Amino acid sequence: MFEIDAFLLSQVLAVISFGFGLGSYQFKNRRTILLCLVVCNIFNASHFFLLGRPGPASMLLVTGLRYSVAAFTTNSRIMMLFIAATAGVYLVFATNAVSLLACIGTVIATYGSFQADNCRLRLIVMVGISMWVTHNILAATPMGAIMESAFLISGVVGYWRHCRVRGDRGGVGSGEGEHV
């Protein structure tokens, strides 16, 4: 019978997550971006669960749920519930002061994901990603820093492609025809 090592499976899931995360910022439509990020976070959470890391896994599950809800609403009350959930996960699982950077980055990205304007969403989420890059550098996780840096670069490229070059602000309902 074929058996796969949990560590190896976790790494495969991380690669799949990475692909969805990179690709997400290249779509024009806000909802498509957010739904790709749902898949990215589910695979990444599964990766951390397999590694026995419930803190990051829980934060990623909350983040994935947040993106799935934000894909269909920009309601600020719902956004506040996700900010509270993020703070709750942080309080339960925080292990050191560096973890606060991850929490702040996640709160910033939460605010960004509930923006109706596609380009504003991108800019604010990139600020949150920058906090995660800093967190991962200080937490001495080179692959995490590389991954988040790649997401940041993909975000910049996506912003340049969809918000600056065409002059399209990409508000609610824009991007009916996907461009990748």
Protein backbone atom coordinates (compact mmCIF):
# COMPACT_ATOMS: atom_id res chain seq x y z
CA MET A 1 0.00 0.00 0.00
CA PHE A 2 1.22 3.49 -0.81
CA GLU A 3 1.87 5.70 2.22
CA ILE A 4 2.85 9.34 2.11
CA ASP A 5 4.81 10.97 4.87
CA ALA A 6 2.92 13.78 6.67
CA PHE A 7 5.85 16.15 6.23
CA LEU A 8 6.06 15.48 2.50
CA LEU A 9 2.31 15.93 2.12
CA SER A 10 2.51 19.20 4.07
CA GLN A 11 5.13 20.48 1.64
CA VAL A 12 3.01 19.51 -1.38
CA LEU A 13 0.08 21.39 0.14
CA ALA A 14 2.32 24.42 0.75
CA VAL A 15 3.39 24.42 -2.92
CA ILE A 16 -0.24 24.28 -4.06
CA SER A 17 -1.06 27.11 -1.65
CA PHE A 18 1.85 29.12 -3.01
CA GLY A 19 0.60 28.71 -6.58
CA PHE A 20 -2.90 29.92 -5.73
CA GLY A 21 -1.49 32.84 -3.71
CA LEU A 22 0.78 33.98 -6.54
CA GLY A 23 -1.91 33.59 -9.16
CA SER A 24 -4.64 35.33 -7.20
CA TYR A 25 -3.22 38.82 -7.62
CA GLN A 26 -3.07 38.46 -11.39
CA PHE A 27 -6.83 38.31 -11.77
CA LYS A 28 -8.72 41.52 -12.36
CA ASN A 29 -12.00 40.67 -10.67
CA ARG A 30 -12.13 41.30 -6.89
CA ARG A 31 -14.22 38.21 -6.17
CA THR A 32 -11.88 35.95 -8.16
CA ILE A 33 -8.85 37.33 -6.27
CA LEU A 34 -10.52 36.62 -2.93
CA LEU A 35 -11.74 33.14 -3.88
CA CYS A 36 -8.23 32.16 -5.02
CA LEU A 37 -6.97 33.37 -1.65
CA VAL A 38 -9.57 31.12 0.05
CA VAL A 39 -8.04 28.10 -1.68
CA CYS A 40 -4.52 29.36 -0.88
CA ASN A 41 -5.35 29.65 2.82
CA ILE A 42 -7.12 26.29 3.07
CA PHE A 43 -4.11 24.49 1.59
CA ASN A 44 -1.71 26.49 3.76
CA ALA A 45 -3.76 25.80 6.91
CA SER A 46 -3.76 22.08 6.07
CA HIS A 47 0.02 22.29 5.63
CA PHE A 48 0.42 23.73 9.15
CA PHE A 49 -2.01 21.24 10.72
CA LEU A 50 0.06 18.39 9.27
CA LEU A 51 3.15 19.98 10.81
CA GLY A 52 1.45 20.08 14.22
CA ARG A 53 1.23 23.90 14.25
CA PRO A 54 -2.34 24.73 15.33
CA GLY A 55 -1.69 28.47 15.80
CA PRO A 56 -0.78 29.35 12.21
CA ALA A 57 -3.29 26.80 10.94
CA SER A 58 -6.10 28.42 12.94
CA MET A 59 -5.14 31.92 11.78
CA LEU A 60 -5.14 30.71 8.17
CA LEU A 61 -8.55 29.08 8.56
CA VAL A 62 -9.97 32.34 9.92
CA THR A 63 -8.30 34.16 7.03
CA GLY A 64 -9.71 31.72 4.48
CA LEU A 65 -13.19 32.11 5.94
CA ARG A 66 -12.73 35.88 5.91
CA TYR A 67 -11.81 35.88 2.22
CA SER A 68 -14.79 33.65 1.39
CA VAL A 69 -17.17 36.05 3.15
CA ALA A 70 -15.46 39.20 1.81
CA ALA A 71 -15.86 37.84 -1.73
CA PHE A 72 -19.60 38.40 -1.34
CA THR A 73 -19.89 41.39 1.02
CA THR A 74 -18.04 44.51 2.09
CA ASN A 75 -20.11 44.97 5.24
CA SER A 76 -17.99 46.73 7.88
CA ARG A 77 -19.73 44.96 10.78
CA ILE A 78 -18.74 41.59 9.37
CA MET A 79 -15.23 42.93 8.85
CA MET A 80 -15.09 43.85 12.55
CA LEU A 81 -16.12 40.29 13.48
CA PHE A 82 -13.13 38.99 11.52
CA ILE A 83 -10.81 41.50 13.14
CA ALA A 84 -12.06 40.29 16.54
CA ALA A 85 -11.60 36.65 15.47
CA THR A 86 -8.04 37.44 14.36
CA ALA A 87 -7.30 39.06 17.72
CA GLY A 88 -8.81 36.06 19.50
CA VAL A 89 -6.65 33.59 17.59
CA TYR A 90 -3.62 35.76 18.29
CA LEU A 91 -4.37 35.85 22.04
CA VAL A 92 -4.79 32.08 22.18
CA PHE A 93 -1.75 31.11 20.12
CA ALA A 94 0.76 33.99 20.33
CA THR A 95 4.15 32.73 21.40
CA ASN A 96 6.26 35.90 21.32
CA ALA A 97 6.26 39.61 20.48
CA VAL A 98 7.09 38.90 16.82
CA SER A 99 3.69 37.20 16.54
CA LEU A 100 2.14 40.64 16.97
CA LEU A 101 3.48 41.62 13.53
CA ALA A 102 1.60 38.68 12.00
CA CYS A 103 -1.57 39.73 13.81
CA ILE A 104 -1.23 43.36 12.67
CA GLY A 105 -0.57 42.22 9.09
CA THR A 106 -3.65 40.02 9.21
CA VAL A 107 -5.81 42.84 10.61
CA ILE A 108 -4.61 45.18 7.85
CA ALA A 109 -5.35 42.53 5.21
CA THR A 110 -8.78 42.02 6.79
CA TYR A 111 -9.53 45.72 6.35
CA GLY A 112 -8.26 45.51 2.76
CA SER A 113 -10.28 42.43 1.85
CA PHE A 114 -13.53 44.19 2.74
CA GLN A 115 -12.86 47.12 0.38
CA ALA A 116 -15.24 47.30 -2.57
CA ASP A 117 -12.62 48.85 -4.83
CA ASN A 118 -10.33 46.25 -6.42
CA CYS A 119 -7.29 48.55 -6.48
CA ARG A 120 -7.75 49.74 -2.91
CA LEU A 121 -8.04 46.10 -1.83
CA ARG A 122 -4.72 45.33 -3.53
CA LEU A 123 -2.86 48.28 -1.96
CA ILE A 124 -4.07 47.63 1.57
CA VAL A 125 -3.45 43.88 1.39
CA MET A 126 0.10 44.62 0.16
CA VAL A 127 0.69 46.63 3.35
CA GLY A 128 -0.50 43.61 5.36
CA ILE A 129 1.77 41.31 3.36
CA SER A 130 4.70 43.64 4.13
CA MET A 131 4.05 43.07 7.83
CA TRP A 132 4.17 39.32 7.21
CA VAL A 133 7.46 39.65 5.32
CA THR A 134 8.90 41.49 8.31
CA HIS A 135 7.44 38.90 10.71
CA ASN A 136 8.97 36.04 8.76
CA ILE A 137 12.39 37.71 8.61
CA LEU A 138 12.36 38.32 12.37
CA ALA A 139 11.02 34.81 13.00
CA ALA A 140 13.97 33.45 11.00
CA THR A 141 11.83 31.61 8.47
CA PRO A 142 13.52 32.21 5.11
CA MET A 143 10.94 30.25 3.09
CA GLY A 144 8.13 32.19 4.74
CA ALA A 145 9.88 35.46 3.93
CA ILE A 146 10.49 34.35 0.34
CA MET A 147 6.88 33.22 -0.07
CA GLU A 148 5.40 36.44 1.32
CA SER A 149 7.88 38.51 -0.72
CA ALA A 150 6.74 36.66 -3.84
CA PHE A 151 3.11 37.43 -2.92
CA LEU A 152 4.08 41.09 -2.49
CA ILE A 153 5.79 41.15 -5.89
CA SER A 154 2.79 39.44 -7.49
CA GLY A 155 0.55 42.03 -5.82
CA VAL A 156 2.64 44.88 -7.24
CA VAL A 157 2.56 43.32 -10.71
CA GLY A 158 -1.22 42.77 -10.46
CA TYR A 159 -1.72 46.34 -9.31
CA TRP A 160 0.41 47.64 -12.15
CA ARG A 161 -1.43 45.50 -14.71
CA HIS A 162 -4.97 46.20 -13.58
CA CYS A 163 -4.91 49.55 -11.81
CA ARG A 164 -2.14 51.69 -13.24
CA VAL A 165 -1.63 50.66 -16.86
CA ARG A 166 -5.24 50.65 -17.99
CA GLY A 167 -6.37 53.38 -15.62
CA ASP A 168 -9.21 51.08 -14.54
CA ARG A 169 -9.98 51.56 -10.86
CA GLY A 170 -11.70 48.17 -10.88
CA GLY A 171 -14.60 49.02 -8.60
CA VAL A 172 -17.53 46.79 -7.69
CA GLY A 173 -18.56 44.59 -10.58
CA SER A 174 -15.53 45.31 -12.73
CA GLY A 175 -13.49 42.70 -14.47
CA GLU A 176 -16.35 40.61 -15.82
CA GLY A 177 -13.98 39.09 -18.36
CA GLU A 178 -11.03 37.68 -16.42
CA HIS A 179 -7.56 38.66 -17.51
CA VAL A 180 -4.66 36.61 -16.29
